[in-house]
Amino acid sequence: LPYGGGKHHCIGAGWSVQMTGQLV
């Protein structure tokens, strides 16, 4: 749960992981 969980889960979690992977 690096981005929290449930209703408070970060809405940008998937985007952040994807963009960082693309930068690498």
PDB file of all heavy atoms in Angstrom:
ATOM      1  N   LEU A   1       0.808  -1.218   0.000  1.00  0.00           N
ATOM      2  CA  LEU A   1       0.000   0.000   0.000  1.00  0.00           C
ATOM      3  C   LEU A   1       0.843   1.271   0.000  1.00  0.00           C
ATOM      4  O   LEU A   1       0.697   2.138   0.856  1.00  0.00           O
ATOM      5  CB  LEU A   1      -0.957   0.009   1.208  1.00  0.00           C
ATOM      6  CG  LEU A   1      -0.454  -0.584   2.532  1.00  0.00           C
ATOM      7  CD1 LEU A   1       0.062   0.484   3.448  1.00  0.00           C
ATOM      8  CD2 LEU A   1      -1.546  -1.382   3.191  1.00  0.00           C
ATOM      9  N   PRO A   2       1.718   1.428  -0.994  1.00  0.00           N
ATOM     10  CA  PRO A   2       2.538   2.648  -1.046  1.00  0.00           C
ATOM     11  C   PRO A   2       1.722   3.891  -1.337  1.00  0.00           C
ATOM     12  O   PRO A   2       2.158   5.005  -1.039  1.00  0.00           O
ATOM     13  CB  PRO A   2       3.514   2.354  -2.189  1.00  0.00           C
ATOM     14  CG  PRO A   2       2.786   1.402  -3.071  1.00  0.00           C
ATOM     15  CD  PRO A   2       2.003   0.535  -2.127  1.00  0.00           C
ATOM     16  N   TYR A   3       0.538   3.704  -1.937  1.00  0.00           N
ATOM     17  CA  TYR A   3      -0.321   4.843  -2.263  1.00  0.00           C
ATOM     18  C   TYR A   3      -1.584   4.872  -1.403  1.00  0.00           C
ATOM     19  O   TYR A   3      -2.583   5.472  -1.767  1.00  0.00           O
ATOM     20  CB  TYR A   3      -0.728   4.790  -3.738  1.00  0.00           C
ATOM     21  CG  TYR A   3       0.402   5.007  -4.711  1.00  0.00           C
ATOM     22  CD1 TYR A   3       1.104   3.931  -5.243  1.00  0.00           C
ATOM     23  CD2 TYR A   3       0.779   6.293  -5.097  1.00  0.00           C
ATOM     24  CE1 TYR A   3       2.142   4.128  -6.145  1.00  0.00           C
ATOM     25  CE2 TYR A   3       1.819   6.498  -5.998  1.00  0.00           C
ATOM     26  CZ  TYR A   3       2.493   5.415  -6.513  1.00  0.00           C
ATOM     27  OH  TYR A   3       3.523   5.618  -7.406  1.00  0.00           O
ATOM     28  N   GLY A   4      -1.533   4.202  -0.250  1.00  0.00           N
ATOM     29  CA  GLY A   4      -2.728   4.130   0.582  1.00  0.00           C
ATOM     30  C   GLY A   4      -3.635   3.015   0.096  1.00  0.00           C
ATOM     31  O   GLY A   4      -3.238   2.124  -0.652  1.00  0.00           O
ATOM     32  N   GLY A   5      -4.887   3.067   0.519  1.00  0.00           N
ATOM     33  CA  GLY A   5      -5.826   2.012   0.129  1.00  0.00           C
ATOM     34  C   GLY A   5      -7.258   2.445   0.327  1.00  0.00           C
ATOM     35  O   GLY A   5      -7.546   3.482   0.931  1.00  0.00           O
ATOM     36  N   GLY A   6      -8.173   1.652  -0.198  1.00  0.00           N
ATOM     37  CA  GLY A   6      -9.594   1.957  -0.052  1.00  0.00           C
ATOM     38  C   GLY A   6      -9.978   3.247  -0.753  1.00  0.00           C
ATOM     39  O   GLY A   6      -9.450   3.593  -1.809  1.00  0.00           O
ATOM     40  N   LYS A   7     -10.892   4.007  -0.142  1.00  0.00           N
ATOM     41  CA  LYS A   7     -11.368   5.258  -0.731  1.00  0.00           C
ATOM     42  C   LYS A   7     -10.256   6.301  -0.839  1.00  0.00           C
ATOM     43  O   LYS A   7     -10.358   7.232  -1.630  1.00  0.00           O
ATOM     44  CB  LYS A   7     -12.523   5.832   0.101  1.00  0.00           C
ATOM     45  CG  LYS A   7     -13.778   4.984   0.066  1.00  0.00           C
ATOM     46  CD  LYS A   7     -14.877   5.626   0.891  1.00  0.00           C
ATOM     47  CE  LYS A   7     -16.144   4.800   0.845  1.00  0.00           C
ATOM     48  NZ  LYS A   7     -17.224   5.405   1.672  1.00  0.00           N
ATOM     49  N   HIS A   8      -9.217   6.161  -0.020  1.00  0.00           N
ATOM     50  CA  HIS A   8      -8.144   7.144  -0.005  1.00  0.00           C
ATOM     51  C   HIS A   8      -6.961   6.738  -0.883  1.00  0.00           C
ATOM     52  O   HIS A   8      -5.911   7.368  -0.831  1.00  0.00           O
ATOM     53  CB  HIS A   8      -7.666   7.373   1.427  1.00  0.00           C
ATOM     54  CG  HIS A   8      -8.721   7.943   2.326  1.00  0.00           C
ATOM     55  ND1 HIS A   8      -9.045   9.279   2.335  1.00  0.00           N
ATOM     56  CD2 HIS A   8      -9.542   7.349   3.222  1.00  0.00           C
ATOM     57  CE1 HIS A   8     -10.005   9.492   3.208  1.00  0.00           C
ATOM     58  NE2 HIS A   8     -10.330   8.338   3.757  1.00  0.00           N
ATOM     59  N   HIS A   9      -7.124   5.688  -1.667  1.00  0.00           N
ATOM     60  CA  HIS A   9      -6.052   5.278  -2.568  1.00  0.00           C
ATOM     61  C   HIS A   9      -5.807   6.373  -3.600  1.00  0.00           C
ATOM     62  O   HIS A   9      -6.746   6.927  -4.173  1.00  0.00           O
ATOM     63  CB  HIS A   9      -6.441   3.979  -3.272  1.00  0.00           C
ATOM     64  CG  HIS A   9      -5.369   3.418  -4.146  1.00  0.00           C
ATOM     65  ND1 HIS A   9      -5.290   3.688  -5.490  1.00  0.00           N
ATOM     66  CD2 HIS A   9      -4.306   2.609  -3.864  1.00  0.00           C
ATOM     67  CE1 HIS A   9      -4.252   3.064  -6.004  1.00  0.00           C
ATOM     68  NE2 HIS A   9      -3.629   2.410  -5.043  1.00  0.00           N
ATOM     69  N   CYS A  10      -4.546   6.701  -3.825  1.00  0.00           N
ATOM     70  CA  CYS A  10      -4.190   7.787  -4.731  1.00  0.00           C
ATOM     71  C   CYS A  10      -4.681   7.494  -6.147  1.00  0.00           C
ATOM     72  O   CYS A  10      -4.383   6.434  -6.708  1.00  0.00           O
ATOM     73  CB  CYS A  10      -2.680   7.987  -4.732  1.00  0.00           C
ATOM     74  SG  CYS A  10      -2.111   9.228  -5.920  1.00  0.00           S
ATOM     75  N   ILE A  11      -5.415   8.431  -6.733  1.00  0.00           N
ATOM     76  CA  ILE A  11      -5.968   8.212  -8.071  1.00  0.00           C
ATOM     77  C   ILE A  11      -4.884   8.238  -9.142  1.00  0.00           C
ATOM     78  O   ILE A  11      -5.088   7.761 -10.254  1.00  0.00           O
ATOM     79  CB  ILE A  11      -7.058   9.257  -8.410  1.00  0.00           C
ATOM     80  CG1 ILE A  11      -6.462  10.673  -8.408  1.00  0.00           C
ATOM     81  CG2 ILE A  11      -8.216   9.147  -7.464  1.00  0.00           C
ATOM     82  CD1 ILE A  11      -7.428  11.729  -8.901  1.00  0.00           C
ATOM     83  N   GLY A  12      -3.713   8.780  -8.813  1.00  0.00           N
ATOM     84  CA  GLY A  12      -2.633   8.846  -9.785  1.00  0.00           C
ATOM     85  C   GLY A  12      -1.604   7.741  -9.631  1.00  0.00           C
ATOM     86  O   GLY A  12      -0.542   7.805 -10.259  1.00  0.00           O
ATOM     87  N   ALA A  13      -1.911   6.705  -8.834  1.00  0.00           N
ATOM     88  CA  ALA A  13      -0.931   5.651  -8.561  1.00  0.00           C
ATOM     89  C   ALA A  13      -0.473   4.960  -9.840  1.00  0.00           C
ATOM     90  O   ALA A  13       0.729   4.810 -10.088  1.00  0.00           O
ATOM     91  CB  ALA A  13      -1.523   4.633  -7.587  1.00  0.00           C
ATOM     92  N   GLY A  14      -1.415   4.525 -10.665  1.00  0.00           N
ATOM     93  CA  GLY A  14      -1.071   3.815 -11.888  1.00  0.00           C
ATOM     94  C   GLY A  14      -0.266   4.683 -12.835  1.00  0.00           C
ATOM     95  O   GLY A  14       0.702   4.220 -13.457  1.00  0.00           O
ATOM     96  N   TRP A  15      -0.657   5.955 -12.945  1.00  0.00           N
ATOM     97  CA  TRP A  15       0.054   6.881 -13.829  1.00  0.00           C
ATOM     98  C   TRP A  15       1.485   7.076 -13.350  1.00  0.00           C
ATOM     99  O   TRP A  15       2.426   7.091 -14.154  1.00  0.00           O
ATOM    100  CB  TRP A  15      -0.676   8.218 -13.865  1.00  0.00           C
ATOM    101  CG  TRP A  15      -0.066   9.219 -14.805  1.00  0.00           C
ATOM    102  CD1 TRP A  15      -0.343   9.392 -16.124  1.00  0.00           C
ATOM    103  CD2 TRP A  15       0.952  10.189 -14.485  1.00  0.00           C
ATOM    104  NE1 TRP A  15       0.432  10.402 -16.658  1.00  0.00           N
ATOM    105  CE2 TRP A  15       1.232  10.903 -15.685  1.00  0.00           C
ATOM    106  CE3 TRP A  15       1.636  10.509 -13.324  1.00  0.00           C
ATOM    107  CZ2 TRP A  15       2.166  11.928 -15.727  1.00  0.00           C
ATOM    108  CZ3 TRP A  15       2.579  11.521 -13.374  1.00  0.00           C
ATOM    109  CH2 TRP A  15       2.837  12.219 -14.565  1.00  0.00           C
ATOM    110  N   SER A  16       1.663   7.234 -12.048  1.00  0.00           N
ATOM    111  CA  SER A  16       2.995   7.466 -11.487  1.00  0.00           C
ATOM    112  C   SER A  16       3.916   6.283 -11.760  1.00  0.00           C
ATOM    113  O   SER A  16       5.073   6.454 -12.163  1.00  0.00           O
ATOM    114  CB  SER A  16       2.873   7.711  -9.982  1.00  0.00           C
ATOM    115  OG  SER A  16       4.135   7.915  -9.397  1.00  0.00           O
ATOM    116  N   VAL A  17       3.410   5.062 -11.554  1.00  0.00           N
ATOM    117  CA  VAL A  17       4.210   3.859 -11.806  1.00  0.00           C
ATOM    118  C   VAL A  17       4.553   3.750 -13.286  1.00  0.00           C
ATOM    119  O   VAL A  17       5.694   3.470 -13.666  1.00  0.00           O
ATOM    120  CB  VAL A  17       3.455   2.601 -11.329  1.00  0.00           C
ATOM    121  CG1 VAL A  17       4.176   1.331 -11.786  1.00  0.00           C
ATOM    122  CG2 VAL A  17       3.324   2.601  -9.810  1.00  0.00           C
ATOM    123  N   GLN A  18       3.556   3.997 -14.152  1.00  0.00           N
ATOM    124  CA  GLN A  18       3.773   3.887 -15.590  1.00  0.00           C
ATOM    125  C   GLN A  18       4.791   4.918 -16.086  1.00  0.00           C
ATOM    126  O   GLN A  18       5.700   4.592 -16.855  1.00  0.00           O
ATOM    127  CB  GLN A  18       2.440   4.085 -16.328  1.00  0.00           C
ATOM    128  CG  GLN A  18       2.512   3.985 -17.844  1.00  0.00           C
ATOM    129  CD  GLN A  18       2.754   2.574 -18.335  1.00  0.00           C
ATOM    130  OE1 GLN A  18       2.549   1.620 -17.589  1.00  0.00           O
ATOM    131  NE2 GLN A  18       3.204   2.440 -19.572  1.00  0.00           N
ATOM    132  N   MET A  19       4.646   6.172 -15.648  1.00  0.00           N
ATOM    133  CA  MET A  19       5.548   7.225 -16.110  1.00  0.00           C
ATOM    134  C   MET A  19       6.976   7.001 -15.632  1.00  0.00           C
ATOM    135  O   MET A  19       7.929   7.223 -16.376  1.00  0.00           O
ATOM    136  CB  MET A  19       5.048   8.589 -15.623  1.00  0.00           C
ATOM    137  CG  MET A  19       3.842   9.129 -16.369  1.00  0.00           C
ATOM    138  SD  MET A  19       4.178   9.441 -18.135  1.00  0.00           S
ATOM    139  CE  MET A  19       3.443   7.969 -18.879  1.00  0.00           C
ATOM    140  N   THR A  20       7.126   6.549 -14.401  1.00  0.00           N
ATOM    141  CA  THR A  20       8.476   6.296 -13.892  1.00  0.00           C
ATOM    142  C   THR A  20       9.130   5.155 -14.663  1.00  0.00           C
ATOM    143  O   THR A  20      10.319   5.217 -15.002  1.00  0.00           O
ATOM    144  CB  THR A  20       8.431   5.962 -12.394  1.00  0.00           C
ATOM    145  OG1 THR A  20       7.767   7.030 -11.683  1.00  0.00           O
ATOM    146  CG2 THR A  20       9.832   5.805 -11.824  1.00  0.00           C
ATOM    147  N   GLY A  21       8.347   4.119 -14.963  1.00  0.00           N
ATOM    148  CA  GLY A  21       8.867   3.030 -15.774  1.00  0.00           C
ATOM    149  C   GLY A  21       9.310   3.500 -17.150  1.00  0.00           C
ATOM    150  O   GLY A  21      10.346   3.077 -17.672  1.00  0.00           O
ATOM    151  N   GLN A  22       8.532   4.416 -17.749  1.00  0.00           N
ATOM    152  CA  GLN A  22       8.882   4.937 -19.061  1.00  0.00           C
ATOM    153  C   GLN A  22      10.151   5.792 -19.005  1.00  0.00           C
ATOM    154  O   GLN A  22      10.967   5.781 -19.932  1.00  0.00           O
ATOM    155  CB  GLN A  22       7.718   5.760 -19.629  1.00  0.00           C
ATOM    156  CG  GLN A  22       6.515   4.940 -20.032  1.00  0.00           C
ATOM    157  CD  GLN A  22       6.840   3.935 -21.121  1.00  0.00           C
ATOM    158  OE1 GLN A  22       7.590   4.218 -22.050  1.00  0.00           O
ATOM    159  NE2 GLN A  22       6.290   2.728 -21.003  1.00  0.00           N
ATOM    160  N   LEU A  23      10.321   6.541 -17.918  1.00  0.00           N
ATOM    161  CA  LEU A  23      11.531   7.342 -17.765  1.00  0.00           C
ATOM    162  C   LEU A  23      12.769   6.446 -17.680  1.00  0.00           C
ATOM    163  O   LEU A  23      13.812   6.748 -18.258  1.00  0.00           O
ATOM    164  CB  LEU A  23      11.419   8.213 -16.511  1.00  0.00           C
ATOM    165  CG  LEU A  23      10.484   9.415 -16.609  1.00  0.00           C
ATOM    166  CD1 LEU A  23      10.286  10.043 -15.234  1.00  0.00           C
ATOM    167  CD2 LEU A  23      11.042  10.451 -17.576  1.00  0.00           C
ATOM    168  N   VAL A  24      12.642   5.335 -16.956  1.00  0.00           N
ATOM    169  CA  VAL A  24      13.752   4.384 -16.873  1.00  0.00           C
ATOM    170  C   VAL A  24      14.042   3.801 -18.255  1.00  0.00           C
ATOM    171  O   VAL A  24      15.203   3.648 -18.654  1.00  0.00           O
ATOM    172  CB  VAL A  24      13.420   3.259 -15.870  1.00  0.00           C
ATOM    173  CG1 VAL A  24      14.508   2.179 -15.892  1.00  0.00           C
ATOM    174  CG2 VAL A  24      13.291   3.826 -14.458  1.00  0.00           C
TER     175      VAL A  24
END
